[in-house]
PDB file of N, CA and C in Angstrom:
ATOM      1  N   MET A   1     -51.234 -50.852  -4.695  1.00  0.00           N
ATOM      2  CA  MET A   1     -51.544 -50.894  -6.115  1.00  0.00           C
ATOM      3  C   MET A   1     -51.557 -49.486  -6.710  1.00  0.00           C
ATOM      4  N   GLY A   2     -51.897 -48.489  -5.940  1.00  0.00           N
ATOM      5  CA  GLY A   2     -51.951 -47.124  -6.439  1.00  0.00           C
ATOM      6  C   GLY A   2     -50.590 -46.599  -6.833  1.00  0.00           C
ATOM      7  N   ILE A   3     -49.555 -46.960  -6.053  1.00  0.00           N
ATOM      8  CA  ILE A   3     -48.196 -46.502  -6.373  1.00  0.00           C
ATOM      9  C   ILE A   3     -47.705 -47.149  -7.662  1.00  0.00           C
ATOM     10  N   ALA A   4     -47.991 -48.432  -7.820  1.00  0.00           N
ATOM     11  CA  ALA A   4     -47.576 -49.145  -9.040  1.00  0.00           C
ATOM     12  C   ALA A   4     -48.282 -48.561 -10.263  1.00  0.00           C
ATOM     13  N   ASN A   5     -49.532 -48.213 -10.091  1.00  0.00           N
ATOM     14  CA  ASN A   5     -50.271 -47.604 -11.205  1.00  0.00           C
ATOM     15  C   ASN A   5     -49.659 -46.272 -11.605  1.00  0.00           C
ATOM     16  N   LYS A   6     -49.336 -45.452 -10.596  1.00  0.00           N
ATOM     17  CA  LYS A   6     -48.732 -44.144 -10.889  1.00  0.00           C
ATOM     18  C   LYS A   6     -47.366 -44.309 -11.530  1.00  0.00           C
ATOM     19  N   ALA A   7     -46.581 -45.264 -11.056  1.00  0.00           N
ATOM     20  CA  ALA A   7     -45.259 -45.509 -11.641  1.00  0.00           C
ATOM     21  C   ALA A   7     -45.402 -45.958 -13.090  1.00  0.00           C
ATOM     22  N   GLY A   8     -46.359 -46.817 -13.352  1.00  0.00           N
ATOM     23  CA  GLY A   8     -46.611 -47.272 -14.721  1.00  0.00           C
ATOM     24  C   GLY A   8     -47.060 -46.133 -15.617  1.00  0.00           C
ATOM     25  N   ASP A   9     -47.915 -45.278 -15.091  1.00  0.00           N
ATOM     26  CA  ASP A   9     -48.379 -44.121 -15.859  1.00  0.00           C
ATOM     27  C   ASP A   9     -47.219 -43.201 -16.209  1.00  0.00           C
ATOM     28  N   TRP A  10     -46.357 -42.937 -15.202  1.00  0.00           N
ATOM     29  CA  TRP A  10     -45.202 -42.057 -15.464  1.00  0.00           C
ATOM     30  C   TRP A  10     -44.226 -42.695 -16.444  1.00  0.00           C
ATOM     31  N   ALA A  11     -44.042 -44.005 -16.334  1.00  0.00           N
ATOM     32  CA  ALA A  11     -43.148 -44.695 -17.272  1.00  0.00           C
ATOM     33  C   ALA A  11     -43.706 -44.610 -18.697  1.00  0.00           C
ATOM     34  N   PHE A  12     -45.008 -44.795 -18.825  1.00  0.00           N
ATOM     35  CA  PHE A  12     -45.641 -44.704 -20.142  1.00  0.00           C
ATOM     36  C   PHE A  12     -45.545 -43.291 -20.703  1.00  0.00           C
ATOM     37  N   LYS A  13     -45.771 -42.298 -19.843  1.00  0.00           N
ATOM     38  CA  LYS A  13     -45.669 -40.906 -20.284  1.00  0.00           C
ATOM     39  C   LYS A  13     -44.242 -40.573 -20.709  1.00  0.00           C
ATOM     40  N   ALA A  14     -43.261 -41.065 -19.967  1.00  0.00           N
ATOM     41  CA  ALA A  14     -41.861 -40.823 -20.319  1.00  0.00           C
ATOM     42  C   ALA A  14     -41.523 -41.495 -21.646  1.00  0.00           C
ATOM     43  N   LEU A  15     -42.012 -42.707 -21.827  1.00  0.00           N
ATOM     44  CA  LEU A  15     -41.771 -43.427 -23.081  1.00  0.00           C
ATOM     45  C   LEU A  15     -42.394 -42.689 -24.264  1.00  0.00           C
ATOM     46  N   THR A  16     -43.637 -42.292 -24.138  1.00  0.00           N
ATOM     47  CA  THR A  16     -44.298 -41.606 -25.253  1.00  0.00           C
ATOM     48  C   THR A  16     -43.676 -40.238 -25.517  1.00  0.00           C
ATOM     49  N   ALA A  17     -43.242 -39.550 -24.463  1.00  0.00           N
ATOM     50  CA  ALA A  17     -42.559 -38.265 -24.664  1.00  0.00           C
ATOM     51  C   ALA A  17     -41.243 -38.484 -25.396  1.00  0.00           C
ATOM     52  N   GLY A  18     -40.519 -39.516 -25.006  1.00  0.00           N
ATOM     53  CA  GLY A  18     -39.255 -39.834 -25.684  1.00  0.00           C
ATOM     54  C   GLY A  18     -39.478 -40.189 -27.141  1.00  0.00           C
ATOM     55  N   LEU A  19     -40.511 -40.948 -27.416  1.00  0.00           N
ATOM     56  CA  LEU A  19     -40.825 -41.292 -28.805  1.00  0.00           C
ATOM     57  C   LEU A  19     -41.224 -40.054 -29.606  1.00  0.00           C
ATOM     58  N   GLY A  20     -41.941 -39.140 -28.968  1.00  0.00           N
ATOM     59  CA  GLY A  20     -42.317 -37.901 -29.641  1.00  0.00           C
ATOM     60  C   GLY A  20     -41.104 -37.057 -29.978  1.00  0.00           C
ATOM     61  N   VAL A  21     -40.179 -36.937 -29.026  1.00  0.00           N
ATOM     62  CA  VAL A  21     -38.948 -36.171 -29.272  1.00  0.00           C
ATOM     63  C   VAL A  21     -38.128 -36.835 -30.367  1.00  0.00           C
ATOM     64  N   ALA A  22     -38.018 -38.160 -30.321  1.00  0.00           N
ATOM     65  CA  ALA A  22     -37.262 -38.881 -31.351  1.00  0.00           C
ATOM     66  C   ALA A  22     -37.892 -38.682 -32.726  1.00  0.00           C
ATOM     67  N   THR A  23     -39.202 -38.691 -32.795  1.00  0.00           N
ATOM     68  CA  THR A  23     -39.895 -38.487 -34.066  1.00  0.00           C
ATOM     69  C   THR A  23     -39.619 -37.094 -34.620  1.00  0.00           C
ATOM     70  N   ILE A  24     -39.685 -36.096 -33.761  1.00  0.00           N
ATOM     71  CA  ILE A  24     -39.407 -34.721 -34.205  1.00  0.00           C
ATOM     72  C   ILE A  24     -37.964 -34.589 -34.668  1.00  0.00           C
ATOM     73  N   TYR A  25     -37.030 -35.176 -33.912  1.00  0.00           N
ATOM     74  CA  TYR A  25     -35.609 -35.116 -34.279  1.00  0.00           C
ATOM     75  C   TYR A  25     -35.366 -35.803 -35.627  1.00  0.00           C
ATOM     76  N   LEU A  26     -35.915 -36.995 -35.795  1.00  0.00           N
ATOM     77  CA  LEU A  26     -35.706 -37.724 -37.045  1.00  0.00           C
ATOM     78  C   LEU A  26     -36.357 -37.012 -38.227  1.00  0.00           C
ATOM     79  N   THR A  27     -37.510 -36.408 -38.020  1.00  0.00           N
ATOM     80  CA  THR A  27     -38.161 -35.644 -39.087  1.00  0.00           C
ATOM     81  C   THR A  27     -37.311 -34.445 -39.488  1.00  0.00           C
ATOM     82  N   ALA A  28     -36.762 -33.746 -38.497  1.00  0.00           N
ATOM     83  CA  ALA A  28     -35.928 -32.577 -38.786  1.00  0.00           C
ATOM     84  C   ALA A  28     -34.651 -32.983 -39.513  1.00  0.00           C
ATOM     85  N   THR A  29     -33.979 -34.026 -39.032  1.00  0.00           N
ATOM     86  CA  THR A  29     -32.727 -34.431 -39.678  1.00  0.00           C
ATOM     87  C   THR A  29     -32.994 -34.986 -41.074  1.00  0.00           C
ATOM     88  N   PHE A  30     -34.100 -35.693 -41.254  1.00  0.00           N
ATOM     89  CA  PHE A  30     -34.450 -36.185 -42.584  1.00  0.00           C
ATOM     90  C   PHE A  30     -34.677 -35.018 -43.543  1.00  0.00           C
ATOM     91  N   SER A  31     -35.380 -33.993 -43.072  1.00  0.00           N
ATOM     92  CA  SER A  31     -35.651 -32.839 -43.927  1.00  0.00           C
ATOM     93  C   SER A  31     -34.351 -32.137 -44.324  1.00  0.00           C
ATOM     94  N   VAL A  32     -33.450 -31.974 -43.366  1.00  0.00           N
ATOM     95  CA  VAL A  32     -32.161 -31.322 -43.654  1.00  0.00           C
ATOM     96  C   VAL A  32     -31.364 -32.165 -44.635  1.00  0.00           C
ATOM     97  N   ASN A  33     -31.305 -33.463 -44.415  1.00  0.00           N
ATOM     98  CA  ASN A  33     -30.549 -34.340 -45.310  1.00  0.00           C
ATOM     99  C   ASN A  33     -31.169 -34.386 -46.705  1.00  0.00           C
ATOM    100  N   LEU A  34     -32.470 -34.365 -46.791  1.00  0.00           N
ATOM    101  CA  LEU A  34     -33.134 -34.346 -48.090  1.00  0.00           C
ATOM    102  C   LEU A  34     -32.788 -33.061 -48.838  1.00  0.00           C
ATOM    103  N   TYR A  35     -32.834 -31.930 -48.136  1.00  0.00           N
ATOM    104  CA  TYR A  35     -32.489 -30.649 -48.745  1.00  0.00           C
ATOM    105  C   TYR A  35     -31.043 -30.650 -49.231  1.00  0.00           C
ATOM    106  N   ARG A  36     -30.124 -31.135 -48.396  1.00  0.00           N
ATOM    107  CA  ARG A  36     -28.710 -31.186 -48.787  1.00  0.00           C
ATOM    108  C   ARG A  36     -28.496 -32.107 -49.974  1.00  0.00           C
ATOM    109  N   GLY A  37     -29.185 -33.238 -49.980  1.00  0.00           N
ATOM    110  CA  GLY A  37     -29.049 -34.184 -51.080  1.00  0.00           C
ATOM    111  C   GLY A  37     -29.549 -33.594 -52.393  1.00  0.00           C
ATOM    112  N   LEU A  38     -30.684 -32.923 -52.343  1.00  0.00           N
ATOM    113  CA  LEU A  38     -31.213 -32.306 -53.553  1.00  0.00           C
ATOM    114  C   LEU A  38     -30.321 -31.165 -54.027  1.00  0.00           C
ATOM    115  N   ALA A  39     -29.762 -30.388 -53.098  1.00  0.00           N
ATOM    116  CA  ALA A  39     -28.849 -29.309 -53.461  1.00  0.00           C
ATOM    117  C   ALA A  39     -27.585 -29.883 -54.090  1.00  0.00           C
ATOM    118  N   TRP A  40     -27.064 -30.972 -53.528  1.00  0.00           N
ATOM    119  CA  TRP A  40     -25.870 -31.620 -54.083  1.00  0.00           C
ATOM    120  C   TRP A  40     -26.163 -32.142 -55.488  1.00  0.00           C
ATOM    121  N   HIS A  41     -27.302 -32.796 -55.651  1.00  0.00           N
ATOM    122  CA  HIS A  41     -27.656 -33.345 -56.956  1.00  0.00           C
ATOM    123  C   HIS A  41     -27.806 -32.225 -57.985  1.00  0.00           C
ATOM    124  N   ASN A  42     -28.406 -31.125 -57.586  1.00  0.00           N
ATOM    125  CA  ASN A  42     -28.572 -29.991 -58.486  1.00  0.00           C
ATOM    126  C   ASN A  42     -27.206 -29.434 -58.892  1.00  0.00           C
ATOM    127  N   ALA A  43     -26.286 -29.340 -57.931  1.00  0.00           N
ATOM    128  CA  ALA A  43     -24.941 -28.840 -58.235  1.00  0.00           C
ATOM    129  C   ALA A  43     -24.222 -29.792 -59.189  1.00  0.00           C
ATOM    130  N   GLN A  44     -24.390 -31.082 -59.015  1.00  0.00           N
ATOM    131  CA  GLN A  44     -23.742 -32.051 -59.905  1.00  0.00           C
ATOM    132  C   GLN A  44     -24.301 -31.928 -61.321  1.00  0.00           C
ATOM    133  N   SER A  45     -25.591 -31.717 -61.421  1.00  0.00           N
ATOM    134  CA  SER A  45     -26.208 -31.563 -62.741  1.00  0.00           C
ATOM    135  C   SER A  45     -25.670 -30.321 -63.442  1.00  0.00           C
ATOM    136  N   LYS A  46     -25.491 -29.233 -62.698  1.00  0.00           N
ATOM    137  CA  LYS A  46     -24.947 -28.010 -63.290  1.00  0.00           C
ATOM    138  C   LYS A  46     -23.509 -28.226 -63.756  1.00  0.00           C
ATOM    139  N   ILE A  47     -22.714 -28.939 -62.969  1.00  0.00           N
ATOM    140  CA  ILE A  47     -21.324 -29.215 -63.347  1.00  0.00           C
ATOM    141  C   ILE A  47     -21.289 -30.050 -64.622  1.00  0.00           C
ATOM    142  N   GLU A  48     -22.160 -31.056 -64.711  1.00  0.00           N
ATOM    143  CA  GLU A  48     -22.201 -31.904 -65.905  1.00  0.00           C
ATOM    144  C   GLU A  48     -22.608 -31.094 -67.130  1.00  0.00           C
ATOM    145  N   LYS A  49     -23.582 -30.197 -66.982  1.00  0.00           N
ATOM    146  CA  LYS A  49     -24.012 -29.383 -68.106  1.00  0.00           C
ATOM    147  C   LYS A  49     -22.916 -28.442 -68.558  1.00  0.00           C
ATOM    148  N   GLN A  50     -22.198 -27.844 -67.609  1.00  0.00           N
ATOM    149  CA  GLN A  50     -21.096 -26.940 -67.962  1.00  0.00           C
ATOM    150  C   GLN A  50     -19.957 -27.715 -68.614  1.00  0.00           C
ATOM    151  N   GLY A  51     -19.679 -28.893 -68.124  1.00  0.00           N
ATOM    152  CA  GLY A  51     -18.604 -29.702 -68.668  1.00  0.00           C
ATOM    153  C   GLY A  51     -18.901 -30.182 -70.078  1.00  0.00           C
ATOM    154  N   SER A  52     -20.154 -30.476 -70.391  1.00  0.00           N
ATOM    155  CA  SER A  52     -20.470 -31.004 -71.714  1.00  0.00           C
ATOM    156  C   SER A  52     -20.472 -29.889 -72.773  1.00  0.00           C
ATOM    157  N   SER A  53     -20.611 -28.633 -72.378  1.00  0.00           N
ATOM    158  CA  SER A  53     -20.617 -27.548 -73.357  1.00  0.00           C
ATOM    159  C   SER A  53     -19.209 -27.089 -73.713  1.00  0.00           C
ATOM    160  N   GLU A  54     -18.218 -27.462 -72.894  1.00  0.00           N
ATOM    161  CA  GLU A  54     -16.835 -27.089 -73.192  1.00  0.00           C
ATOM    162  C   GLU A  54     -16.253 -28.078 -74.192  1.00  0.00           C
ATOM    163  N   PRO A  55     -15.358 -27.589 -75.084  1.00  0.00           N
ATOM    164  CA  PRO A  55     -14.757 -28.514 -76.053  1.00  0.00           C
ATOM    165  C   PRO A  55     -13.798 -29.499 -75.369  1.00  0.00           C
ATOM    166  N   ALA A  56     -13.746 -30.694 -75.900  1.00  0.00           N
ATOM    167  CA  ALA A  56     -12.865 -31.719 -75.341  1.00  0.00           C
ATOM    168  C   ALA A  56     -11.413 -31.372 -75.646  1.00  0.00           C
ATOM    169  N   PRO A  57     -10.493 -31.635 -74.733  1.00  0.00           N
ATOM    170  CA  PRO A  57      -9.071 -31.289 -74.981  1.00  0.00           C
ATOM    171  C   PRO A  57      -8.422 -32.187 -76.003  1.00  0.00           C
TER     172      PRO A  57
END
């Protein structure tokens, strides 16, 4: 029973470590994607503002 307990403990530790790494990875990629999305949106807004101030052809 002691070996099974240790194996279960190690499996649980591996699972929780994997979940922790996945959480950190997803948080980092979400932050990068959010930053890129906001930068893209800001650039689009600037293009629209510049385009509306120019006279129509």
